[in-house]
Amino acid sequence: MKPTLGLISSRGVVPISLDFDTIGPIARSAADIAVLMDTLVDRSLSAFIPEGGYTSYLKRSFDGLRIGYLNPQEWHLSTSVASPNAAVETQILSNETLVFNILLISKLG
């Protein structure tokens, strides 16, 4: 998971890039990530910390969840970056078995 830039203190870390490097947890499960986020997040940035902490989100439903999906016909990404997967695309576009909203992201302009 890549947290918001600056959400976790970078004190003592030597970054490769000040603009892109972010400290964040790598874990086996969402529960482990939530516990690590509750521990690592800079409390002075409390506006970004969910009420009840990150672990409070573990038992919530997916109702209202929004997921962005890049329209491959408009983005023309190199196959070295991303390649279409018919099974994934079928699942995303069917939306019948999903409990969240799919947002088809188009290029601006």
Protein backbone atom coordinates (compact mmCIF):
# COMPACT_ATOMS: atom_id res chain seq x y z
CA MET A 1 0.00 0.00 0.00
CA LYS A 2 1.24 3.47 -0.79
CA PRO A 3 -0.03 6.01 1.76
CA THR A 4 -0.46 9.71 1.08
CA LEU A 5 2.89 11.46 0.74
CA GLY A 6 3.95 12.73 4.18
CA LEU A 7 1.35 10.77 6.16
CA ILE A 8 4.11 8.70 7.77
CA SER A 9 7.22 10.50 9.02
CA SER A 10 10.29 10.01 6.86
CA ARG A 11 12.68 10.93 9.68
CA GLY A 12 15.79 8.74 9.35
CA VAL A 13 14.96 7.60 5.80
CA VAL A 14 17.17 8.51 2.86
CA PRO A 15 14.79 8.81 -0.11
CA ILE A 16 15.73 8.23 -3.72
CA SER A 17 13.24 10.94 -4.77
CA LEU A 18 11.76 13.59 -2.48
CA ASP A 19 8.73 13.89 -4.77
CA PHE A 20 7.75 10.22 -5.06
CA ASP A 21 9.16 8.17 -2.17
CA THR A 22 6.63 7.35 0.51
CA ILE A 23 7.02 5.26 3.63
CA GLY A 24 4.31 2.63 3.95
CA PRO A 25 3.58 -0.88 5.16
CA ILE A 26 4.07 -4.13 3.29
CA ALA A 27 2.07 -6.92 4.89
CA ARG A 28 0.29 -10.24 4.35
CA SER A 29 -3.23 -8.95 4.91
CA ALA A 30 -5.44 -5.88 5.11
CA ALA A 31 -5.66 -6.39 8.89
CA ASP A 32 -1.87 -6.26 9.20
CA ILE A 33 -1.74 -3.10 7.08
CA ALA A 34 -4.43 -1.43 9.22
CA VAL A 35 -2.52 -2.19 12.43
CA LEU A 36 0.72 -0.89 10.91
CA MET A 37 -0.99 2.27 9.65
CA ASP A 38 -2.46 2.93 13.11
CA THR A 39 1.09 2.63 14.48
CA LEU A 40 3.07 4.48 11.81
CA VAL A 41 0.88 7.46 10.87
CA ASP A 42 2.00 10.87 12.08
CA ARG A 43 -0.68 11.86 14.63
CA SER A 44 -0.15 15.57 13.85
CA LEU A 45 -1.87 14.83 10.53
CA SER A 46 -5.01 13.69 12.34
CA ALA A 47 -7.28 15.18 9.66
CA PHE A 48 -6.27 12.23 7.46
CA ILE A 49 -6.68 9.53 10.12
CA PRO A 50 -10.10 7.83 10.11
CA GLU A 51 -12.15 8.18 13.29
CA GLY A 52 -11.44 5.02 15.26
CA GLY A 53 -8.22 4.41 13.33
CA TYR A 54 -7.56 2.31 10.24
CA THR A 55 -8.54 -0.93 11.98
CA SER A 56 -12.09 0.45 12.36
CA TYR A 57 -12.50 0.05 8.58
CA LEU A 58 -11.87 -3.70 8.58
CA LYS A 59 -15.50 -4.68 9.21
CA ARG A 60 -17.21 -2.07 7.04
CA SER A 61 -19.16 -2.95 3.90
CA PHE A 62 -18.20 -2.08 0.35
CA ASP A 63 -21.35 0.01 -0.10
CA GLY A 64 -20.42 3.32 -1.68
CA LEU A 65 -16.88 2.19 -2.57
CA ARG A 66 -15.70 3.69 -5.86
CA ILE A 67 -12.99 2.12 -8.01
CA GLY A 68 -11.38 3.90 -10.95
CA TYR A 69 -10.82 1.92 -14.14
CA LEU A 70 -8.68 3.22 -16.99
CA ASN A 71 -10.39 2.92 -20.35
CA PRO A 72 -7.73 1.10 -22.42
CA GLN A 73 -9.16 2.46 -25.69
CA GLU A 74 -8.42 6.03 -24.57
CA TRP A 75 -5.23 5.70 -22.55
CA HIS A 76 -3.14 3.64 -25.01
CA LEU A 77 -0.72 2.40 -22.37
CA SER A 78 2.40 0.57 -23.44
CA THR A 79 2.19 -3.20 -22.97
CA SER A 80 5.29 -2.89 -20.78
CA VAL A 81 3.14 -0.89 -18.34
CA ALA A 82 -0.23 -2.60 -18.72
CA SER A 83 -1.87 -5.07 -21.02
CA PRO A 84 -5.59 -5.81 -21.38
CA ASN A 85 -6.96 -8.85 -19.57
CA ALA A 86 -10.27 -9.99 -21.07
CA ALA A 87 -11.44 -11.79 -17.91
CA VAL A 88 -10.82 -8.76 -15.71
CA GLU A 89 -12.44 -6.40 -18.20
CA THR A 90 -15.53 -8.64 -18.46
CA GLN A 91 -15.87 -8.71 -14.67
CA ILE A 92 -15.42 -4.96 -14.31
CA LEU A 93 -17.83 -4.05 -17.08
CA SER A 94 -20.53 -6.55 -16.01
CA ASN A 95 -20.97 -4.77 -12.66
CA GLU A 96 -23.77 -7.23 -11.80
CA THR A 97 -21.83 -9.12 -9.14
CA LEU A 98 -20.06 -6.09 -7.72
CA VAL A 99 -21.04 -4.20 -4.59
CA PHE A 100 -19.10 -1.08 -5.53
CA ASN A 101 -19.23 1.55 -8.27
CA ILE A 102 -16.89 1.43 -11.27
CA LEU A 103 -15.70 4.79 -12.54
CA LEU A 104 -14.47 4.63 -16.13
CA ILE A 105 -11.60 7.12 -16.25
CA SER A 106 -11.15 8.90 -19.57
CA LYS A 107 -8.39 11.27 -20.57
CA LEU A 108 -9.18 14.93 -20.05
CA GLY A 109 -9.25 17.24 -23.02
